[in-house]
Amino acid sequence: MSLCLSSLNVYYRDVGQLWEIALQAGFFLCPIFYSITLVPEKYVLLYSLNPMTRIIESFRKILYHNALPTLSDLLIPLGGGLLLLFIGYFIFRRLEPRFAEEV
């Protein structure tokens, strides 16, 4: 994510401020202080798209329920992270030659 945002920040300076707001909203949307069972059933699928939700719920399974997380609980955030890495790398490599011109 940082590769993509840093590349875009060279051209659009407001990306940093927008990212701060999105990060703050994402923090409150993560089930850190509450369980995902409190989220209404119709929003659970949308809610679980946040990769931190699965990671936090995996820690909760280990610490509170003494159970191992499922393989999908670990592979989905890993796959999402790798996808973001490849997208960010592609955007960074494409915009990199013109970085010095924009400064």
C-alpha atoms as a PDB file:
ATOM      1  CA  MET A   1       0.000   0.000   0.000  1.00  0.00           C
ATOM      2  CA  SER A   2       2.857   2.372   0.817  1.00  0.00           C
ATOM      3  CA  LEU A   3       4.425   1.971  -2.641  1.00  0.00           C
ATOM      4  CA  CYS A   4       1.195   3.021  -4.297  1.00  0.00           C
ATOM      5  CA  LEU A   5       0.464   5.876  -1.911  1.00  0.00           C
ATOM      6  CA  SER A   6       4.004   7.258  -1.961  1.00  0.00           C
ATOM      7  CA  SER A   7       4.011   7.227  -5.758  1.00  0.00           C
ATOM      8  CA  LEU A   8       0.692   9.023  -5.938  1.00  0.00           C
ATOM      9  CA  ASN A   9       1.756  11.499  -3.243  1.00  0.00           C
ATOM     10  CA  VAL A  10       4.464  12.862  -5.577  1.00  0.00           C
ATOM     11  CA  TYR A  11       1.772  13.996  -8.011  1.00  0.00           C
ATOM     12  CA  TYR A  12      -1.148  14.616  -5.663  1.00  0.00           C
ATOM     13  CA  ARG A  13      -0.101  16.120  -2.320  1.00  0.00           C
ATOM     14  CA  ASP A  14      -3.539  15.586  -0.759  1.00  0.00           C
ATOM     15  CA  VAL A  15      -3.045  11.822  -0.737  1.00  0.00           C
ATOM     16  CA  GLY A  16      -1.268  12.056   2.636  1.00  0.00           C
ATOM     17  CA  GLN A  17      -4.165  13.871   4.282  1.00  0.00           C
ATOM     18  CA  LEU A  18      -6.758  11.560   2.738  1.00  0.00           C
ATOM     19  CA  TRP A  19      -4.761   8.533   3.874  1.00  0.00           C
ATOM     20  CA  GLU A  20      -4.749   9.794   7.473  1.00  0.00           C
ATOM     21  CA  ILE A  21      -8.548  10.018   7.438  1.00  0.00           C
ATOM     22  CA  ALA A  22      -8.913   6.583   5.805  1.00  0.00           C
ATOM     23  CA  LEU A  23      -6.505   5.039   8.299  1.00  0.00           C
ATOM     24  CA  GLN A  24      -8.398   6.510  11.241  1.00  0.00           C
ATOM     25  CA  ALA A  25     -11.712   5.224   9.842  1.00  0.00           C
ATOM     26  CA  GLY A  26     -10.145   1.811   9.238  1.00  0.00           C
ATOM     27  CA  PHE A  27      -9.000   1.675  12.852  1.00  0.00           C
ATOM     28  CA  PHE A  28     -12.536   2.196  14.106  1.00  0.00           C
ATOM     29  CA  LEU A  29     -13.887  -0.374  11.648  1.00  0.00           C
ATOM     30  CA  CYS A  30     -11.551  -3.092  12.953  1.00  0.00           C
ATOM     31  CA  PRO A  31     -13.071  -5.305  15.648  1.00  0.00           C
ATOM     32  CA  ILE A  32     -10.420  -4.561  18.268  1.00  0.00           C
ATOM     33  CA  PHE A  33     -12.571  -3.572  21.231  1.00  0.00           C
ATOM     34  CA  TYR A  34     -15.653  -5.492  20.151  1.00  0.00           C
ATOM     35  CA  SER A  35     -16.386  -8.870  18.633  1.00  0.00           C
ATOM     36  CA  ILE A  36     -17.391  -9.336  15.024  1.00  0.00           C
ATOM     37  CA  THR A  37     -20.543 -11.039  16.324  1.00  0.00           C
ATOM     38  CA  LEU A  38     -21.849  -7.552  17.216  1.00  0.00           C
ATOM     39  CA  VAL A  39     -21.813  -6.538  13.552  1.00  0.00           C
ATOM     40  CA  PRO A  40     -25.216  -6.998  11.836  1.00  0.00           C
ATOM     41  CA  GLU A  41     -25.359 -10.158   9.720  1.00  0.00           C
ATOM     42  CA  LYS A  42     -25.914  -8.282   6.439  1.00  0.00           C
ATOM     43  CA  TYR A  43     -22.603  -6.392   6.890  1.00  0.00           C
ATOM     44  CA  VAL A  44     -20.376  -9.284   7.985  1.00  0.00           C
ATOM     45  CA  LEU A  45     -19.212 -10.158   4.464  1.00  0.00           C
ATOM     46  CA  LEU A  46     -18.372  -6.530   3.694  1.00  0.00           C
ATOM     47  CA  TYR A  47     -16.769  -6.188   7.100  1.00  0.00           C
ATOM     48  CA  SER A  48     -14.582  -9.254   6.634  1.00  0.00           C
ATOM     49  CA  LEU A  49     -13.001  -7.746   3.496  1.00  0.00           C
ATOM     50  CA  ASN A  50     -10.822  -5.719   5.839  1.00  0.00           C
ATOM     51  CA  PRO A  51      -7.686  -7.889   6.166  1.00  0.00           C
ATOM     52  CA  MET A  52      -7.102  -6.722   9.745  1.00  0.00           C
ATOM     53  CA  THR A  53     -10.469  -8.174  10.747  1.00  0.00           C
ATOM     54  CA  ARG A  54      -9.298 -11.702   9.996  1.00  0.00           C
ATOM     55  CA  ILE A  55      -5.956 -11.156  11.714  1.00  0.00           C
ATOM     56  CA  ILE A  56      -7.571  -9.760  14.864  1.00  0.00           C
ATOM     57  CA  GLU A  57     -10.145 -12.555  14.929  1.00  0.00           C
ATOM     58  CA  SER A  58      -7.322 -15.110  14.539  1.00  0.00           C
ATOM     59  CA  PHE A  59      -5.550 -13.675  17.577  1.00  0.00           C
ATOM     60  CA  ARG A  60      -8.837 -13.747  19.460  1.00  0.00           C
ATOM     61  CA  LYS A  61      -9.290 -17.443  18.587  1.00  0.00           C
ATOM     62  CA  ILE A  62      -5.814 -18.247  19.879  1.00  0.00           C
ATOM     63  CA  LEU A  63      -5.910 -16.174  23.057  1.00  0.00           C
ATOM     64  CA  TYR A  64      -9.529 -16.457  24.193  1.00  0.00           C
ATOM     65  CA  HIS A  65     -10.852 -19.682  22.682  1.00  0.00           C
ATOM     66  CA  ASN A  66      -7.625 -21.721  22.725  1.00  0.00           C
ATOM     67  CA  ALA A  67      -8.166 -22.735  19.101  1.00  0.00           C
ATOM     68  CA  LEU A  68      -6.023 -22.443  16.018  1.00  0.00           C
ATOM     69  CA  PRO A  69      -7.165 -20.137  13.210  1.00  0.00           C
ATOM     70  CA  THR A  70      -8.279 -21.755   9.994  1.00  0.00           C
ATOM     71  CA  LEU A  71      -6.052 -21.763   6.948  1.00  0.00           C
ATOM     72  CA  SER A  72      -8.319 -19.261   5.193  1.00  0.00           C
ATOM     73  CA  ASP A  73      -7.957 -16.877   8.157  1.00  0.00           C
ATOM     74  CA  LEU A  74      -4.240 -16.738   7.386  1.00  0.00           C
ATOM     75  CA  LEU A  75      -4.183 -17.067   3.597  1.00  0.00           C
ATOM     76  CA  ILE A  76      -6.742 -14.373   2.771  1.00  0.00           C
ATOM     77  CA  PRO A  77      -4.762 -11.530   4.436  1.00  0.00           C
ATOM     78  CA  LEU A  78      -1.558 -12.929   2.939  1.00  0.00           C
ATOM     79  CA  GLY A  79      -3.102 -13.012  -0.537  1.00  0.00           C
ATOM     80  CA  GLY A  80      -4.483  -9.502  -0.126  1.00  0.00           C
ATOM     81  CA  GLY A  81      -1.093  -8.248   1.015  1.00  0.00           C
ATOM     82  CA  LEU A  82       0.682  -9.851  -1.922  1.00  0.00           C
ATOM     83  CA  LEU A  83      -1.880  -8.426  -4.332  1.00  0.00           C
ATOM     84  CA  LEU A  84      -1.344  -4.942  -2.905  1.00  0.00           C
ATOM     85  CA  LEU A  85       2.415  -5.443  -3.135  1.00  0.00           C
ATOM     86  CA  PHE A  86       2.251  -6.288  -6.845  1.00  0.00           C
ATOM     87  CA  ILE A  87      -0.150  -3.432  -7.615  1.00  0.00           C
ATOM     88  CA  GLY A  88       1.992  -0.982  -5.656  1.00  0.00           C
ATOM     89  CA  TYR A  89       5.169  -2.198  -7.351  1.00  0.00           C
ATOM     90  CA  PHE A  90       3.569  -1.833 -10.775  1.00  0.00           C
ATOM     91  CA  ILE A  91       2.375   1.714 -10.038  1.00  0.00           C
ATOM     92  CA  PHE A  92       5.712   2.679  -8.489  1.00  0.00           C
ATOM     93  CA  ARG A  93       7.766   1.380 -11.433  1.00  0.00           C
ATOM     94  CA  ARG A  94       5.475   3.089 -13.915  1.00  0.00           C
ATOM     95  CA  LEU A  95       5.584   6.505 -12.223  1.00  0.00           C
ATOM     96  CA  GLU A  96       9.203   6.398 -10.985  1.00  0.00           C
ATOM     97  CA  PRO A  97      10.925   7.817 -14.105  1.00  0.00           C
ATOM     98  CA  ARG A  98       9.022  11.123 -13.756  1.00  0.00           C
ATOM     99  CA  PHE A  99       9.538  11.625  -9.985  1.00  0.00           C
ATOM    100  CA  ALA A 100      12.442  14.085 -10.388  1.00  0.00           C
ATOM    101  CA  GLU A 101      10.427  16.205 -12.810  1.00  0.00           C
ATOM    102  CA  GLU A 102       7.613  16.743 -10.308  1.00  0.00           C
ATOM    103  CA  VAL A 103       9.702  17.923  -7.356  1.00  0.00           C
END
